[in-house]
Amino acid sequence: MTTAPRRSLPKPALLAITDRRRSVRPLPFLVAHLLEGGCRWISLREKDLTFRERRALLSEILAIARPAGALVTVHGDVVAALETGADGVHLQDVADIALVRDTLPPESLIGISCHGLAQIHAAAAAGADYATLSPIFVTESKPGYGPALGIGPLAQARAAGIPVVALGGVTAENGWSCLSAGAAAVAVMRPLMSAREPVRFTRRLVESLGETAQP
């Protein structure tokens, strides 16, 4: 495995995860609004698309995000990331990190989904650049998904030496508490996808996070 310094997460400390089925408008159009509202990290999660469809959509979003200086990652599709020049990949299995690290350019961002502290430590040891920890709060996107972890584990997770992104039920009202507790960023999906005024909603969310994110 090629060893490289972990890439810093973008600021502001907001990751927008896509779900076009919940979006009230075409996804590229919505992404443009999220960027206008101040978001600088988009992760394409459209797993049900064919490879060609996902690659085309990823290319379109990259073309929109690049002028704004935003980071664009993709869930699971290493080939699409390579072919489009995306900024990285979000994975589900820690065992995949080494192979993906050797496949993607060294500056690529590699993340992993975690649901407990043991997985966070495993992700750090495997060389992930960041890990999502979920669900922090009860989430409408996945009813019954849990139990909610709360903000308590975030400080312990940060002690593993890897940036942790709080995911699940994050809002403008509770996002700051995640950062204060030790999260490096927060991730939001459904509220951003379904916002009727996405620019205003994103701006409010970004402003609610302030400058309290941990390095």
Protein backbone atom coordinates (compact mmCIF):
# COMPACT_ATOMS: atom_id res chain seq x y z
CA MET A 1 0.00 0.00 0.00
CA THR A 2 1.28 3.46 -0.90
CA THR A 3 1.58 5.66 2.18
CA ALA A 4 0.47 9.26 1.78
CA PRO A 5 -0.46 12.04 4.19
CA ARG A 6 -4.17 12.17 4.92
CA ARG A 7 -5.89 14.81 2.86
CA SER A 8 -7.60 17.59 4.78
CA LEU A 9 -11.36 17.80 4.67
CA PRO A 10 -12.81 20.88 2.97
CA LYS A 11 -14.27 23.86 4.79
CA PRO A 12 -17.00 24.64 5.63
CA ALA A 13 -17.42 21.41 7.56
CA LEU A 14 -20.45 20.21 5.59
CA LEU A 15 -20.68 17.10 3.42
CA ALA A 16 -23.75 16.92 1.16
CA ILE A 17 -24.64 13.32 0.27
CA THR A 18 -26.87 13.01 -2.78
CA ASP A 19 -30.13 11.12 -3.24
CA ARG A 20 -31.73 12.19 -6.49
CA ARG A 21 -34.95 10.28 -5.64
CA ARG A 22 -35.56 12.68 -2.76
CA SER A 23 -34.45 15.76 -4.67
CA VAL A 24 -37.17 18.21 -5.58
CA ARG A 25 -35.26 19.21 -8.74
CA PRO A 26 -32.72 17.65 -11.13
CA LEU A 27 -29.60 16.74 -9.16
CA PRO A 28 -27.05 18.86 -11.08
CA PHE A 29 -29.34 21.88 -10.70
CA LEU A 30 -29.67 21.20 -6.98
CA VAL A 31 -25.90 20.78 -6.57
CA ALA A 32 -25.39 24.21 -8.12
CA HIS A 33 -27.71 25.64 -5.47
CA LEU A 34 -25.90 23.81 -2.65
CA LEU A 35 -22.63 25.29 -3.86
CA GLU A 36 -24.18 28.74 -4.05
CA GLY A 37 -25.26 28.29 -0.44
CA GLY A 38 -21.67 27.59 0.61
CA CYS A 39 -21.30 23.80 0.58
CA ARG A 40 -17.89 22.70 -0.69
CA TRP A 41 -18.10 18.90 -0.51
CA ILE A 42 -20.52 16.78 -2.53
CA SER A 43 -20.59 12.99 -2.46
CA LEU A 44 -22.53 11.19 -5.19
CA ARG A 45 -24.37 8.21 -3.69
CA GLU A 46 -26.57 7.07 -6.59
CA LYS A 47 -25.85 3.36 -6.21
CA ASP A 48 -28.85 2.20 -8.22
CA LEU A 49 -27.61 3.81 -11.43
CA THR A 50 -25.74 1.86 -14.08
CA PHE A 51 -22.03 2.56 -14.36
CA ARG A 52 -22.52 4.69 -17.47
CA GLU A 53 -25.30 6.69 -15.85
CA ARG A 54 -23.31 7.24 -12.67
CA ARG A 55 -20.19 8.23 -14.57
CA ALA A 56 -22.14 10.72 -16.69
CA LEU A 57 -23.84 12.25 -13.65
CA LEU A 58 -20.53 12.41 -11.78
CA SER A 59 -18.90 14.19 -14.72
CA GLU A 60 -21.74 16.70 -14.85
CA ILE A 61 -21.48 17.44 -11.13
CA LEU A 62 -17.71 17.79 -11.35
CA ALA A 63 -18.09 20.37 -14.12
CA ILE A 64 -20.39 22.37 -11.84
CA ALA A 65 -18.28 21.97 -8.71
CA ARG A 66 -14.81 22.67 -10.07
CA PRO A 67 -15.34 26.43 -10.66
CA ALA A 68 -16.52 26.72 -7.05
CA GLY A 69 -13.44 24.93 -5.74
CA ALA A 70 -15.60 22.18 -4.28
CA LEU A 71 -14.62 18.58 -3.61
CA VAL A 72 -16.59 15.80 -5.30
CA THR A 73 -16.42 12.19 -4.17
CA VAL A 74 -18.42 9.12 -5.17
CA HIS A 75 -19.77 6.23 -3.13
CA GLY A 76 -18.16 2.93 -4.01
CA ASP A 77 -17.36 3.41 -7.69
CA VAL A 78 -13.57 3.48 -7.99
CA VAL A 79 -13.60 3.18 -11.79
CA ALA A 80 -15.94 6.15 -12.17
CA ALA A 81 -13.69 8.17 -9.86
CA LEU A 82 -10.66 7.29 -11.98
CA GLU A 83 -12.32 8.00 -15.32
CA THR A 84 -13.84 11.33 -14.29
CA GLY A 85 -11.04 12.64 -12.09
CA ALA A 86 -13.26 12.78 -9.02
CA ASP A 87 -11.59 13.70 -5.74
CA GLY A 88 -12.08 10.39 -4.00
CA VAL A 89 -14.29 7.46 -3.02
CA HIS A 90 -16.43 6.59 -0.03
CA LEU A 91 -16.30 2.88 0.85
CA GLN A 92 -18.28 0.46 3.00
CA ASP A 93 -15.59 -2.13 3.77
CA VAL A 94 -12.31 -1.39 5.55
CA ALA A 95 -10.74 -4.30 3.67
CA ASP A 96 -11.05 -2.35 0.41
CA ILE A 97 -9.02 0.66 1.55
CA ALA A 98 -5.56 -0.69 0.70
CA LEU A 99 -6.48 -1.71 -2.85
CA VAL A 100 -8.29 1.57 -3.53
CA ARG A 101 -5.37 3.55 -2.10
CA ASP A 102 -3.04 1.86 -4.58
CA THR A 103 -5.50 2.36 -7.45
CA LEU A 104 -6.44 6.02 -7.10
CA PRO A 105 -4.05 8.98 -7.37
CA PRO A 106 -2.18 9.60 -4.09
CA GLU A 107 -4.04 12.83 -3.39
CA SER A 108 -7.44 11.12 -3.50
CA LEU A 109 -9.72 11.24 -0.47
CA ILE A 110 -10.80 7.82 0.81
CA GLY A 111 -13.57 7.54 3.37
CA ILE A 112 -15.30 4.68 5.12
CA SER A 113 -18.71 4.18 6.74
CA CYS A 114 -18.56 3.29 10.44
CA HIS A 115 -21.18 2.61 13.09
CA GLY A 116 -19.03 2.20 16.17
CA LEU A 117 -15.66 2.98 17.73
CA ALA A 118 -14.06 -0.34 16.81
CA GLN A 119 -14.73 0.37 13.14
CA ILE A 120 -13.33 3.89 13.50
CA HIS A 121 -10.06 2.49 14.87
CA ALA A 122 -9.94 -0.10 12.09
CA ALA A 123 -10.46 2.61 9.46
CA ALA A 124 -7.66 4.71 10.94
CA ALA A 125 -5.30 1.73 10.99
CA ALA A 126 -6.17 0.89 7.38
CA GLY A 127 -5.27 4.39 6.19
CA ALA A 128 -8.67 5.97 5.51
CA ASP A 129 -8.64 9.77 5.27
CA TYR A 130 -11.92 10.10 7.18
CA ALA A 131 -14.77 8.03 8.53
CA THR A 132 -18.47 8.74 8.84
CA LEU A 133 -20.01 7.73 12.15
CA SER A 134 -23.74 7.05 12.17
CA PRO A 135 -26.44 7.39 13.19
CA ILE A 136 -25.66 10.24 15.56
CA PHE A 137 -29.32 11.29 15.85
CA VAL A 138 -32.60 9.68 14.82
CA THR A 139 -32.99 10.21 11.08
CA GLU A 140 -36.09 10.42 8.89
CA SER A 141 -34.12 9.03 5.95
CA LYS A 142 -33.88 5.61 7.57
CA PRO A 143 -36.73 5.04 10.05
CA GLY A 144 -35.78 2.45 12.64
CA TYR A 145 -32.08 2.77 11.81
CA GLY A 146 -30.13 2.90 15.01
CA PRO A 147 -30.10 3.13 17.90
CA ALA A 148 -28.88 6.72 17.72
CA LEU A 149 -25.36 7.04 19.11
CA GLY A 150 -25.64 10.64 20.27
CA ILE A 151 -22.68 13.01 20.35
CA GLY A 152 -20.90 11.18 23.19
CA PRO A 153 -18.81 8.83 21.02
CA LEU A 154 -17.50 11.64 18.81
CA ALA A 155 -14.71 12.70 21.17
CA GLN A 156 -13.63 9.08 21.60
CA ALA A 157 -13.77 8.56 17.85
CA ARG A 158 -11.59 11.60 17.24
CA ALA A 159 -8.99 10.12 19.60
CA ALA A 160 -8.47 7.36 17.01
CA GLY A 161 -6.51 9.90 14.99
CA ILE A 162 -8.81 10.13 11.98
CA PRO A 163 -11.27 12.92 11.06
CA VAL A 164 -14.80 11.80 11.87
CA VAL A 165 -17.87 13.03 9.98
CA ALA A 166 -21.09 12.95 12.02
CA LEU A 167 -23.96 11.45 9.99
CA GLY A 168 -27.61 10.84 10.69
CA GLY A 169 -30.27 13.33 11.72
CA VAL A 170 -27.94 16.34 11.57
CA THR A 171 -29.72 19.71 11.34
CA ALA A 172 -28.94 23.40 11.64
CA GLU A 173 -30.01 23.10 15.26
CA ASN A 174 -27.73 20.24 16.31
CA GLY A 175 -24.82 20.30 13.85
CA TRP A 176 -22.71 22.63 15.98
CA SER A 177 -22.95 20.20 18.90
CA CYS A 178 -21.32 17.50 16.75
CA LEU A 179 -18.39 19.75 15.90
CA SER A 180 -18.02 20.89 19.49
CA ALA A 181 -17.99 17.25 20.60
CA GLY A 182 -15.12 16.39 18.27
CA ALA A 183 -16.46 15.79 14.76
CA ALA A 184 -14.40 17.21 11.92
CA ALA A 185 -17.53 17.74 9.79
CA VAL A 186 -21.18 16.81 9.51
CA ALA A 187 -22.95 15.01 6.67
CA VAL A 188 -26.49 15.79 5.55
CA MET A 189 -28.61 14.10 2.90
CA ARG A 190 -32.41 14.25 3.03
CA PRO A 191 -32.87 17.83 4.33
CA LEU A 192 -30.58 19.20 1.60
CA MET A 193 -32.13 17.08 -1.13
CA SER A 194 -35.70 18.05 -0.24
CA ALA A 195 -35.16 21.72 0.65
CA ARG A 196 -37.62 23.98 -1.17
CA GLU A 197 -35.15 26.87 -0.97
CA PRO A 198 -31.82 25.03 -1.19
CA VAL A 199 -29.57 28.09 -1.35
CA ARG A 200 -31.08 29.63 1.76
CA PHE A 201 -31.26 26.29 3.56
CA THR A 202 -27.63 25.44 2.80
CA ARG A 203 -26.45 28.89 3.82
CA ARG A 204 -28.30 28.61 7.12
CA LEU A 205 -26.79 25.18 7.75
CA VAL A 206 -23.27 26.36 6.91
CA GLU A 207 -23.62 29.43 9.10
CA SER A 208 -24.93 27.30 12.00
CA LEU A 209 -21.72 25.26 11.92
CA GLY A 210 -19.57 28.36 12.52
CA GLU A 211 -15.83 27.88 12.75
CA THR A 212 -15.74 25.27 15.50
CA ALA A 213 -14.66 22.30 13.35
CA GLN A 214 -11.74 20.29 14.68
CA PRO A 215 -8.64 19.72 12.49
